[in-house]
N, C-alpha and C. Protein backbone atom coordinates (compact mmCIF):
# COMPACT_ATOMS: atom_id res chain seq x y z
N MET A 1 -114.01 -2.28 -97.01
CA MET A 1 -113.58 -3.27 -96.13
C MET A 1 -112.23 -3.06 -95.68
N SER A 2 -111.95 -3.47 -94.33
CA SER A 2 -110.38 -3.24 -93.95
C SER A 2 -109.75 -4.48 -94.01
N GLU A 3 -109.05 -4.75 -95.23
CA GLU A 3 -108.12 -5.83 -95.28
C GLU A 3 -107.16 -6.15 -94.14
N GLN A 4 -106.70 -5.14 -93.57
CA GLN A 4 -105.98 -5.33 -92.51
C GLN A 4 -106.66 -6.04 -91.26
N ALA A 5 -107.74 -5.49 -90.84
CA ALA A 5 -108.69 -6.29 -90.10
C ALA A 5 -109.13 -7.67 -90.34
N LEU A 6 -109.41 -7.97 -91.49
CA LEU A 6 -109.86 -9.34 -92.15
C LEU A 6 -108.44 -10.30 -91.74
N SER A 7 -107.14 -9.67 -92.17
CA SER A 7 -106.10 -10.53 -91.99
C SER A 7 -105.85 -10.71 -90.47
N GLU A 8 -106.15 -9.76 -89.62
CA GLU A 8 -105.81 -10.00 -88.24
C GLU A 8 -106.82 -10.98 -87.68
N GLY A 9 -108.05 -11.03 -88.05
CA GLY A 9 -109.09 -11.88 -87.56
C GLY A 9 -108.65 -13.34 -87.99
N ALA A 10 -108.12 -13.57 -89.28
CA ALA A 10 -107.74 -14.85 -89.77
C ALA A 10 -106.54 -15.35 -88.86
N LYS A 11 -105.48 -14.35 -88.63
CA LYS A 11 -104.48 -14.65 -87.72
C LYS A 11 -104.74 -15.21 -86.43
N ALA A 12 -105.65 -14.31 -85.86
CA ALA A 12 -106.35 -14.66 -84.70
C ALA A 12 -106.72 -15.95 -84.46
N PHE A 13 -107.37 -16.43 -85.52
CA PHE A 13 -108.04 -17.91 -85.44
C PHE A 13 -106.85 -18.94 -85.51
N LYS A 14 -105.92 -18.76 -86.22
CA LYS A 14 -104.79 -19.41 -86.42
C LYS A 14 -103.95 -19.56 -85.26
N SER A 15 -103.93 -18.55 -84.52
CA SER A 15 -103.11 -18.46 -83.31
C SER A 15 -103.91 -18.96 -82.01
N GLY A 16 -105.02 -19.33 -82.28
CA GLY A 16 -105.87 -20.09 -81.15
C GLY A 16 -106.58 -18.95 -80.14
N VAL A 17 -106.85 -17.78 -80.90
CA VAL A 17 -107.39 -16.84 -80.13
C VAL A 17 -108.91 -17.06 -80.15
N HIS A 18 -109.91 -16.63 -79.03
CA HIS A 18 -111.07 -16.95 -79.12
C HIS A 18 -111.75 -15.75 -79.80
N ARG A 19 -112.96 -16.15 -80.62
CA ARG A 19 -113.51 -15.20 -81.25
C ARG A 19 -114.11 -14.07 -80.59
N THR A 20 -114.51 -14.01 -79.30
CA THR A 20 -114.78 -12.93 -78.69
C THR A 20 -113.48 -11.88 -78.46
N ALA A 21 -112.53 -12.21 -78.52
CA ALA A 21 -111.52 -11.27 -78.49
C ALA A 21 -111.22 -10.27 -79.43
N ASN A 22 -112.23 -10.08 -80.26
CA ASN A 22 -112.05 -8.94 -81.35
C ASN A 22 -111.75 -7.69 -80.62
N PRO A 23 -110.70 -7.04 -81.07
CA PRO A 23 -110.25 -5.87 -80.36
C PRO A 23 -110.90 -4.49 -80.71
N PHE A 24 -111.74 -4.64 -81.73
CA PHE A 24 -112.36 -3.53 -82.42
C PHE A 24 -113.53 -3.04 -81.86
N ASP A 25 -114.01 -1.83 -81.90
CA ASP A 25 -115.35 -1.29 -81.37
C ASP A 25 -116.42 -2.04 -82.17
N PRO A 26 -117.35 -2.78 -81.47
CA PRO A 26 -118.53 -3.30 -82.08
C PRO A 26 -119.23 -2.73 -83.06
N SER A 27 -119.32 -1.42 -83.14
CA SER A 27 -120.16 -0.66 -83.91
C SER A 27 -119.40 -0.28 -85.21
N SER A 28 -117.97 -0.85 -85.38
CA SER A 28 -117.19 -0.45 -86.40
C SER A 28 -117.08 -1.37 -87.67
N GLU A 29 -116.72 -0.97 -88.76
CA GLU A 29 -116.39 -1.78 -89.89
C GLU A 29 -115.24 -2.78 -89.64
N ASP A 30 -114.41 -2.14 -89.03
CA ASP A 30 -113.24 -3.30 -88.67
C ASP A 30 -113.66 -4.29 -87.66
N TRP A 31 -114.47 -4.18 -86.84
CA TRP A 31 -115.12 -5.14 -86.01
C TRP A 31 -115.73 -6.42 -86.86
N MET A 32 -116.52 -5.87 -87.72
CA MET A 32 -117.17 -6.90 -88.66
C MET A 32 -115.98 -7.58 -89.76
N CYS A 33 -115.13 -6.85 -90.15
CA CYS A 33 -114.09 -7.40 -91.13
C CYS A 33 -113.32 -8.43 -90.30
N TRP A 34 -112.89 -8.08 -88.94
CA TRP A 34 -112.04 -9.05 -88.03
C TRP A 34 -112.89 -10.33 -87.76
N ARG A 35 -114.12 -10.18 -87.65
CA ARG A 35 -115.04 -11.35 -87.36
C ARG A 35 -115.04 -12.22 -88.63
N ASP A 36 -115.38 -11.51 -89.86
CA ASP A 36 -115.42 -12.14 -91.03
C ASP A 36 -113.88 -12.94 -91.22
N GLY A 37 -112.88 -12.28 -90.99
CA GLY A 37 -111.50 -12.87 -91.32
C GLY A 37 -111.42 -14.21 -90.46
N PHE A 38 -111.93 -14.01 -89.07
CA PHE A 38 -111.88 -15.18 -88.19
C PHE A 38 -112.74 -16.28 -88.73
N ASP A 39 -113.97 -15.97 -89.06
CA ASP A 39 -115.09 -17.04 -89.54
C ASP A 39 -114.39 -17.63 -90.87
N GLN A 40 -113.89 -17.07 -91.76
CA GLN A 40 -113.46 -17.71 -92.93
C GLN A 40 -112.23 -18.48 -92.66
N ALA A 41 -111.25 -18.20 -91.74
CA ALA A 41 -110.13 -19.01 -91.63
C ALA A 41 -110.59 -20.39 -90.90
N LYS A 42 -111.66 -20.11 -89.81
CA LYS A 42 -112.40 -21.38 -89.23
C LYS A 42 -113.03 -22.24 -90.16
N ALA A 43 -113.71 -21.60 -91.20
CA ALA A 43 -114.45 -22.44 -92.23
C ALA A 43 -113.39 -23.29 -93.10
N VAL A 44 -112.55 -22.55 -93.47
CA VAL A 44 -111.26 -23.37 -94.15
C VAL A 44 -110.80 -24.49 -93.46
N ALA A 45 -110.35 -24.22 -92.22
CA ALA A 45 -109.75 -25.22 -91.49
C ALA A 45 -110.62 -26.42 -91.22
N GLU A 46 -112.00 -26.10 -91.01
CA GLU A 46 -112.85 -27.22 -90.84
C GLU A 46 -113.18 -27.90 -92.08
N ARG A 47 -113.21 -27.41 -93.24
CA ARG A 47 -113.18 -28.00 -94.43
C ARG A 47 -111.93 -28.88 -94.81
N VAL A 48 -110.82 -28.48 -94.56
CA VAL A 48 -109.58 -29.16 -94.92
C VAL A 48 -109.42 -30.25 -94.09
N ALA A 49 -109.80 -30.12 -92.59
CA ALA A 49 -109.78 -31.21 -91.69
C ALA A 49 -110.95 -32.30 -91.89
N GLY A 50 -112.07 -31.96 -92.80
CA GLY A 50 -112.97 -32.92 -93.26
C GLY A 50 -114.13 -33.02 -92.04
N THR A 51 -114.22 -32.12 -91.25
CA THR A 51 -115.09 -31.85 -90.11
C THR A 51 -116.43 -31.38 -90.38
N VAL A 52 -116.40 -30.90 -91.91
CA VAL A 52 -117.60 -30.32 -92.49
C VAL A 52 -117.67 -30.88 -93.67
N PRO A 53 -118.89 -31.47 -94.15
CA PRO A 53 -118.91 -31.95 -95.48
C PRO A 53 -118.91 -30.94 -96.63
N ALA A 54 -118.20 -31.66 -97.76
CA ALA A 54 -118.09 -30.54 -98.82
C ALA A 54 -119.54 -30.19 -99.30
N MET A 55 -119.44 -28.73 -99.75
CA MET A 55 -120.63 -28.36 -100.40
C MET A 55 -121.38 -29.21 -101.58
N PRO A 56 -122.60 -29.44 -101.72
CA PRO A 56 -123.21 -30.13 -102.81
C PRO A 56 -122.77 -29.43 -104.08
N ALA A 57 -122.66 -30.07 -105.23
CA ALA A 57 -122.49 -29.51 -106.70
C ALA A 57 -123.75 -28.60 -106.83
N VAL A 58 -123.41 -27.56 -107.67
CA VAL A 58 -124.27 -26.62 -107.88
C VAL A 58 -125.52 -27.42 -108.81
N ALA A 59 -125.00 -28.24 -109.68
CA ALA A 59 -125.99 -28.96 -110.53
C ALA A 59 -127.01 -29.74 -109.73
N ALA A 60 -126.60 -30.29 -108.70
CA ALA A 60 -127.50 -31.16 -107.95
C ALA A 60 -128.43 -30.27 -107.23
N ILE A 61 -128.18 -29.01 -106.84
CA ILE A 61 -129.04 -28.15 -106.41
C ILE A 61 -130.07 -27.51 -107.26
N ALA A 62 -129.58 -27.32 -108.41
CA ALA A 62 -130.52 -26.84 -109.48
C ALA A 62 -131.39 -27.82 -109.79
N ALA A 63 -131.14 -29.35 -109.80
CA ALA A 63 -132.14 -30.38 -110.27
C ALA A 63 -133.17 -30.26 -109.35
N ASP A 64 -133.12 -30.05 -107.94
CA ASP A 64 -134.19 -30.27 -107.05
C ASP A 64 -135.45 -29.26 -107.33
C-alpha cells in the first residue's frame, strides 16, 4: 500500500478537492490508495459531524 497516496487522498478531501480529481493512473495501486484515503477522510468527517449514525454495537449484531 502506498502510504503517500493514502495521505494525499485524505489531504485532497480536507482541501475540498473532488473525488474524481485522483491524479494517479486508474489501473495503479496508488489510484486505489488515493481513493481509499479520500473515502476514509470523508467517512471520519461525516461521523464527527453526526451526519452518519454511529455503528451499532457488535453485541447487538451478534444477538440477531
